[in-house]
Amino acid sequence: MAVFRFENVFAAPTRQQRERYMRGEVEEHRFGPEGEITLLIYPAAAYLKDDIDGVRILFTGVGERSHAVEEARRMVEYHKLTEECMKSYTTGDQI
């Protein structure tokens, strides 16, 4: 099917995309230390929201929903590694 990626917080699926794919019963999953990554699974699509980076991804089609779960895992791991790198960084003022 298709994958639609929105690169900022203010971009979102169009009305036509919401009416076509984001209907019916929804299953919500939250990831990350404060639940900043949200995965919404619909019967015909999956919608992934990353509030840390402001990225939104709409996966359409039943086959793409498994890719959404994998992408959510990647996002959690990416942010975890980024946070660990920032903790290990010291500036010259701190030495």
Protein backbone atom coordinates (compact mmCIF):
# COMPACT_ATOMS: atom_id res chain seq x y z
CA MET A 1 0.00 0.00 0.00
CA ALA A 2 1.48 3.39 0.96
CA VAL A 3 3.43 5.24 3.61
CA PHE A 4 2.90 8.97 4.19
CA ARG A 5 5.51 10.81 6.26
CA PHE A 6 4.86 14.23 7.79
CA GLU A 7 8.00 16.01 8.97
CA ASN A 8 6.66 18.53 11.46
CA VAL A 9 4.16 18.73 14.29
CA PHE A 10 1.67 20.81 12.32
CA ALA A 11 1.50 18.47 9.30
CA ALA A 12 -1.07 15.72 9.51
CA PRO A 13 -3.06 13.38 7.29
CA THR A 14 -5.55 15.09 5.04
CA ARG A 15 -9.26 14.87 5.62
CA GLN A 16 -9.56 12.37 2.77
CA GLN A 17 -6.85 10.18 4.31
CA ARG A 18 -8.51 10.30 7.72
CA GLU A 19 -11.91 9.45 6.28
CA ARG A 20 -10.55 6.63 4.15
CA TYR A 21 -8.02 4.93 6.46
CA MET A 22 -8.43 6.17 10.01
CA ARG A 23 -11.90 4.86 10.74
CA GLY A 24 -13.30 2.18 12.96
CA GLU A 25 -12.00 0.70 16.16
CA VAL A 26 -8.60 2.01 17.22
CA GLU A 27 -5.93 0.40 19.36
CA GLU A 28 -3.57 2.85 21.09
CA HIS A 29 -0.04 2.06 22.30
CA ARG A 30 2.39 4.48 23.95
CA PHE A 31 6.16 4.09 24.03
CA GLY A 32 9.08 5.99 25.47
CA PRO A 33 9.77 7.11 29.03
CA GLU A 34 6.90 9.61 29.08
CA GLY A 35 4.75 8.13 26.31
CA GLU A 36 5.97 10.57 23.66
CA ILE A 37 5.67 8.00 20.88
CA THR A 38 2.11 6.95 20.10
CA LEU A 39 1.05 4.15 17.77
CA LEU A 40 -2.61 4.09 16.71
CA ILE A 41 -3.67 0.91 14.91
CA TYR A 42 -6.84 1.05 12.81
CA PRO A 43 -8.39 -1.79 10.78
CA ALA A 44 -6.99 -0.39 7.50
CA ALA A 45 -3.99 1.65 8.68
CA ALA A 46 -1.55 2.54 11.42
CA TYR A 47 -0.58 6.05 12.51
CA LEU A 48 2.69 6.69 14.33
CA LYS A 49 3.29 9.99 16.17
CA ASP A 50 6.68 10.97 17.57
CA ASP A 51 6.21 14.04 19.78
CA ILE A 52 9.95 14.30 20.47
CA ASP A 53 10.95 15.00 16.86
CA GLY A 54 7.50 16.04 15.61
CA VAL A 55 7.33 13.27 12.99
CA ARG A 56 4.05 11.65 11.99
CA ILE A 57 3.80 8.58 9.73
CA LEU A 58 0.64 7.08 8.26
CA PHE A 59 0.95 3.46 7.13
CA THR A 60 -1.99 2.43 4.96
CA GLY A 61 -2.98 -1.15 4.28
CA VAL A 62 -3.12 -4.21 6.49
CA GLY A 63 0.36 -5.35 5.43
CA GLU A 64 1.95 -2.06 6.44
CA ARG A 65 0.73 -2.23 10.03
CA SER A 66 3.56 -4.60 10.96
CA HIS A 67 6.03 -2.07 9.54
CA ALA A 68 4.52 0.55 11.84
CA VAL A 69 5.29 -1.58 14.90
CA GLU A 70 8.89 -2.06 13.72
CA GLU A 71 9.25 1.68 13.09
CA ALA A 72 7.94 2.45 16.59
CA ARG A 73 10.60 0.14 18.05
CA ARG A 74 13.27 1.88 15.98
CA MET A 75 12.12 5.31 17.17
CA VAL A 76 12.23 4.24 20.83
CA GLU A 77 15.72 2.80 20.40
CA TYR A 78 16.92 5.90 18.53
CA HIS A 79 15.71 8.26 21.26
CA LYS A 80 17.14 6.02 23.97
CA LEU A 81 20.58 6.06 22.33
CA THR A 82 20.39 9.81 21.73
CA GLU A 83 19.56 10.41 25.38
CA GLU A 84 22.47 8.22 26.52
CA CYS A 85 24.86 10.10 24.24
CA MET A 86 23.72 13.45 25.63
CA LYS A 87 24.23 12.23 29.21
CA SER A 88 27.80 11.18 28.47
CA TYR A 89 28.67 14.52 26.86
CA THR A 90 30.53 17.00 29.03
CA THR A 91 31.41 20.55 28.17
CA GLY A 92 34.66 22.29 28.99
CA ASP A 93 32.91 24.29 31.72
CA GLN A 94 32.03 21.11 33.56
CA ILE A 95 35.62 19.82 33.70
